[in-house]
């Protein structure tokens, strides 16, 4: 199914800005993008899409289940394609780099802890904050704090 048909199938018109933003998420090397990141990347491609439109499209894509929104400690929302399947995140305090990971032992431990407390997990998010290997090997200004 092409992108235009996919958007129409979930009740969204296949407008130019929607198609450009969807394509950006599908082709970008960066999997986690803020509205400002999307704006800068589209400007670099000479796309004339305003920041307000970008915010509106990101919200529509989130509501339609195309994107997932995260609120990392940076204080700004970042989005990633909803490709199904669960994963967790490690976020570098210095540069903001986000690394995805999945560990079945962590998942099992969380379920055991929940069960021991009479709790059933419906969904969860695990964010680990620290310093990536690139930042640990260099001296540069902290990203946050």
Protein backbone atom coordinates (compact mmCIF):
# COMPACT_ATOMS: atom_id res chain seq x y z
CA UNK A 1 0.00 0.00 0.00
CA UNK A 2 1.42 3.40 -0.90
CA UNK A 3 1.61 6.28 1.57
CA UNK A 4 -1.36 8.19 0.14
CA UNK A 5 -3.59 5.11 0.32
CA UNK A 6 -2.38 4.38 3.84
CA UNK A 7 -3.27 7.90 5.02
CA UNK A 8 -6.68 7.75 3.32
CA UNK A 9 -7.30 4.35 4.89
CA UNK A 10 -6.97 5.86 8.37
CA UNK A 11 -9.12 8.86 7.57
CA UNK A 12 -6.48 11.47 6.72
CA UNK A 13 -6.21 13.30 3.41
CA UNK A 14 -2.93 12.71 1.64
CA UNK A 15 -1.75 16.33 1.68
CA UNK A 16 1.72 17.41 0.64
CA UNK A 17 2.85 18.25 4.19
CA UNK A 18 1.55 14.94 5.58
CA UNK A 19 3.28 12.93 2.86
CA UNK A 20 6.58 14.85 3.33
CA UNK A 21 6.54 14.41 7.11
CA UNK A 22 5.69 10.71 6.87
CA UNK A 23 8.47 10.23 4.31
CA UNK A 24 10.92 12.04 6.59
CA UNK A 25 10.18 9.66 9.49
CA UNK A 26 10.49 6.65 7.19
CA UNK A 27 13.81 7.71 5.67
CA UNK A 28 15.62 9.66 8.41
CA UNK A 29 18.64 8.14 10.12
CA UNK A 30 17.33 9.76 13.31
CA UNK A 31 14.49 7.62 14.66
CA UNK A 32 13.39 10.13 17.33
CA UNK A 33 12.50 13.61 16.08
CA UNK A 34 11.00 16.66 17.75
CA UNK A 35 8.79 19.09 15.85
CA UNK A 36 11.78 21.43 15.63
CA UNK A 37 13.96 18.61 14.23
CA UNK A 38 11.32 17.92 11.56
CA UNK A 39 11.14 21.63 10.74
CA UNK A 40 14.93 21.94 10.36
CA UNK A 41 15.18 18.82 8.19
CA UNK A 42 12.35 20.00 5.94
CA UNK A 43 13.93 23.46 5.65
CA UNK A 44 17.18 21.80 4.55
CA UNK A 45 15.16 20.05 1.82
CA UNK A 46 13.63 23.43 0.79
CA UNK A 47 10.16 22.30 1.89
CA UNK A 48 7.88 25.22 2.70
CA UNK A 49 6.03 23.74 5.68
CA UNK A 50 5.47 25.91 8.73
CA UNK A 51 6.11 24.84 12.30
CA UNK A 52 2.40 25.11 13.21
CA UNK A 53 1.54 22.69 10.38
CA UNK A 54 4.25 20.32 11.56
CA UNK A 55 2.86 20.32 15.12
CA UNK A 56 -0.65 19.70 13.76
CA UNK A 57 0.47 16.80 11.53
CA UNK A 58 2.53 15.20 14.32
CA UNK A 59 -0.52 15.33 16.62
CA UNK A 60 -2.73 13.84 13.89
CA UNK A 61 -0.19 11.07 13.23
CA UNK A 62 0.04 10.31 16.94
CA UNK A 63 -3.75 10.14 17.27
CA UNK A 64 -3.90 7.87 14.21
CA UNK A 65 -1.25 5.55 15.67
CA UNK A 66 1.36 6.29 13.00
CA UNK A 67 3.73 7.92 15.49
CA UNK A 68 4.48 7.39 19.16
CA UNK A 69 5.28 10.42 21.33
CA UNK A 70 7.88 10.33 24.12
CA UNK A 71 8.74 12.92 26.74
CA UNK A 72 12.40 12.42 27.59
CA UNK A 73 14.11 14.56 30.23
CA UNK A 74 15.00 17.16 27.60
CA UNK A 75 11.56 18.63 28.23
CA UNK A 76 10.42 18.44 24.62
CA UNK A 77 8.29 15.81 22.95
CA UNK A 78 9.96 13.55 20.42
CA UNK A 79 8.21 11.22 18.01
CA UNK A 80 9.08 7.91 16.39
CA UNK A 81 7.32 5.70 13.89
CA UNK A 82 4.97 3.21 15.51
CA UNK A 83 6.33 -0.01 14.07
CA UNK A 84 4.63 -2.24 16.61
CA UNK A 85 6.59 -4.21 19.13
CA UNK A 86 7.89 -2.91 22.41
CA UNK A 87 11.29 -1.40 23.15
CA UNK A 88 12.84 0.79 25.81
CA UNK A 89 15.18 3.77 25.55
CA UNK A 90 18.54 4.98 26.84
CA UNK A 91 18.98 8.76 26.61
CA UNK A 92 22.33 10.58 26.84
CA UNK A 93 22.20 13.59 29.18
CA UNK A 94 24.97 15.33 27.26
CA UNK A 95 24.10 15.05 23.57
CA UNK A 96 20.51 13.81 23.68
CA UNK A 97 21.25 10.66 21.67
CA UNK A 98 18.52 8.03 22.06
CA UNK A 99 19.36 4.34 21.88
CA UNK A 100 16.59 1.77 21.67
CA UNK A 101 16.86 -1.64 23.28
CA UNK A 102 14.80 -4.67 24.25
CA UNK A 103 15.77 -7.11 26.98
CA UNK A 104 13.51 -10.09 27.75
CA UNK A 105 15.03 -10.43 31.22
CA UNK A 106 14.01 -6.87 32.11
CA UNK A 107 10.50 -7.52 30.79
CA UNK A 108 10.22 -10.73 32.84
CA UNK A 109 11.52 -9.02 35.99
CA UNK A 110 8.99 -6.19 35.63
CA UNK A 111 6.16 -8.72 35.28
CA UNK A 112 7.36 -10.67 38.34
CA UNK A 113 7.61 -7.52 40.44
CA UNK A 114 4.15 -6.41 39.34
CA UNK A 115 2.66 -9.84 40.07
CA UNK A 116 4.26 -9.89 43.54
CA UNK A 117 2.33 -6.70 44.26
CA UNK A 118 -0.92 -7.97 42.75
CA UNK A 119 -0.54 -5.70 39.76
CA UNK A 120 -0.99 -6.50 36.07
CA UNK A 121 1.03 -4.36 33.66
CA UNK A 122 -0.97 -3.08 30.70
CA UNK A 123 1.86 -1.04 29.21
CA UNK A 124 5.04 0.61 30.39
CA UNK A 125 7.93 2.82 29.39
CA UNK A 126 11.48 2.45 30.59
CA UNK A 127 13.87 5.33 30.04
CA UNK A 128 17.47 5.05 31.24
CA UNK A 129 19.40 8.32 31.45
CA UNK A 130 23.17 8.49 31.42
CA UNK A 131 26.11 9.20 29.19
CA UNK A 132 26.71 7.59 25.80
CA UNK A 133 30.13 6.20 24.94
CA UNK A 134 30.92 9.09 22.55
CA UNK A 135 30.28 11.69 25.25
CA UNK A 136 32.15 9.68 27.87
CA UNK A 137 35.26 9.75 25.67
CA UNK A 138 35.15 13.50 24.97
CA UNK A 139 34.76 16.71 26.89
CA UNK A 140 31.87 18.89 25.81
CA UNK A 141 29.12 20.91 27.38
CA UNK A 142 26.37 19.00 29.15
CA UNK A 143 23.14 18.65 27.19
CA UNK A 144 21.03 19.16 30.29
CA UNK A 145 21.21 20.27 33.94
